[in-house]
């Protein structure tokens, strides 16, 4: 669960950050959406193939897996193919 919303998570041990797509972000409770910030202007996420991802927002959200909850820094990527990718952060 991400911020109390059930979703399928992809755990990517090769990813260094946790990402959600814009569609999932817009479904989050308003309380969490209001905490979103613009990313730093020099932020550039790069994939393994060296292509770049655009980050729309950053925010901290609680993620629960098997009754264990931790707060993660999340990056909102508009065209992400999964609702949530958990990195090793």
Protein backbone atom coordinates (compact mmCIF):
# COMPACT_ATOMS: atom_id res chain seq x y z
CA UNK A 1 0.00 0.00 0.00
CA UNK A 2 1.15 3.50 -0.78
CA UNK A 3 -0.35 6.24 1.42
CA UNK A 4 -3.22 3.91 2.31
CA UNK A 5 -4.06 3.03 -1.32
CA UNK A 6 -3.70 -0.52 -2.55
CA UNK A 7 -1.67 -0.92 -5.69
CA UNK A 8 0.64 -3.42 -7.31
CA UNK A 9 4.26 -2.57 -6.59
CA UNK A 10 7.24 -3.47 -8.70
CA UNK A 11 10.32 -3.94 -6.53
CA UNK A 12 13.33 -3.08 -8.67
CA UNK A 13 16.60 -3.87 -6.90
CA UNK A 14 18.49 -2.05 -9.66
CA UNK A 15 16.57 1.20 -9.12
CA UNK A 16 18.02 3.70 -6.68
CA UNK A 17 14.78 5.70 -6.21
CA UNK A 18 11.07 5.07 -5.66
CA UNK A 19 8.74 6.32 -8.38
CA UNK A 20 4.98 6.61 -8.89
CA UNK A 21 3.13 7.65 -12.02
CA UNK A 22 1.01 10.78 -12.28
CA UNK A 23 -2.26 8.86 -12.57
CA UNK A 24 -1.63 7.12 -9.24
CA UNK A 25 -0.49 10.39 -7.63
CA UNK A 26 -3.80 12.03 -8.60
CA UNK A 27 -5.68 9.21 -6.83
CA UNK A 28 -3.89 9.83 -3.53
CA UNK A 29 -5.79 11.55 -0.72
CA UNK A 30 -5.63 15.33 -0.98
CA UNK A 31 -3.68 15.46 2.27
CA UNK A 32 -0.70 13.82 0.56
CA UNK A 33 -1.05 15.58 -2.81
CA UNK A 34 -0.86 18.97 -1.06
CA UNK A 35 2.56 18.04 0.32
CA UNK A 36 4.06 17.57 -3.15
CA UNK A 37 6.92 19.88 -4.07
CA UNK A 38 8.52 20.78 -7.35
CA UNK A 39 11.75 18.85 -7.89
CA UNK A 40 15.10 20.62 -7.76
CA UNK A 41 15.81 22.24 -11.16
CA UNK A 42 18.99 20.21 -11.64
CA UNK A 43 17.31 16.83 -11.00
CA UNK A 44 17.80 14.42 -13.88
CA UNK A 45 16.78 10.76 -13.65
CA UNK A 46 18.51 8.47 -16.07
CA UNK A 47 17.45 4.94 -17.06
CA UNK A 48 19.80 2.05 -17.77
CA UNK A 49 19.59 2.85 -21.51
CA UNK A 50 20.63 6.45 -20.68
CA UNK A 51 17.23 7.90 -21.59
CA UNK A 52 15.93 10.50 -19.14
CA UNK A 53 12.75 10.67 -17.06
CA UNK A 54 10.90 13.89 -16.34
CA UNK A 55 9.97 14.33 -12.66
CA UNK A 56 6.87 16.43 -12.00
CA UNK A 57 6.81 16.36 -8.16
CA UNK A 58 8.58 14.93 -5.14
CA UNK A 59 7.01 14.04 -1.80
CA UNK A 60 7.33 11.67 1.14
CA UNK A 61 4.78 8.88 1.43
CA UNK A 62 4.27 5.88 3.72
CA UNK A 63 4.64 2.54 1.94
CA UNK A 64 3.37 -0.63 3.62
CA UNK A 65 4.55 -4.09 2.60
CA UNK A 66 3.62 -7.13 4.72
CA UNK A 67 2.54 -5.04 7.73
CA UNK A 68 5.79 -3.06 7.73
CA UNK A 69 5.45 0.67 7.00
CA UNK A 70 8.26 3.02 6.07
CA UNK A 71 8.23 6.57 4.74
CA UNK A 72 9.98 6.93 1.37
CA UNK A 73 10.92 9.92 -0.73
CA UNK A 74 8.82 9.52 -3.89
CA UNK A 75 9.34 10.96 -7.35
CA UNK A 76 6.24 11.47 -9.52
CA UNK A 77 6.98 10.56 -13.14
CA UNK A 78 4.07 11.31 -15.52
CA UNK A 79 4.61 8.55 -18.09
CA UNK A 80 5.82 5.77 -15.81
CA UNK A 81 4.51 2.41 -17.06
CA UNK A 82 3.75 1.09 -13.54
CA UNK A 83 1.79 2.79 -10.78
CA UNK A 84 4.72 2.32 -8.38
CA UNK A 85 8.32 1.16 -8.67
CA UNK A 86 10.12 0.62 -5.37
CA UNK A 87 13.85 1.26 -5.53
CA UNK A 88 16.50 0.25 -3.02
CA UNK A 89 16.35 3.61 -1.24
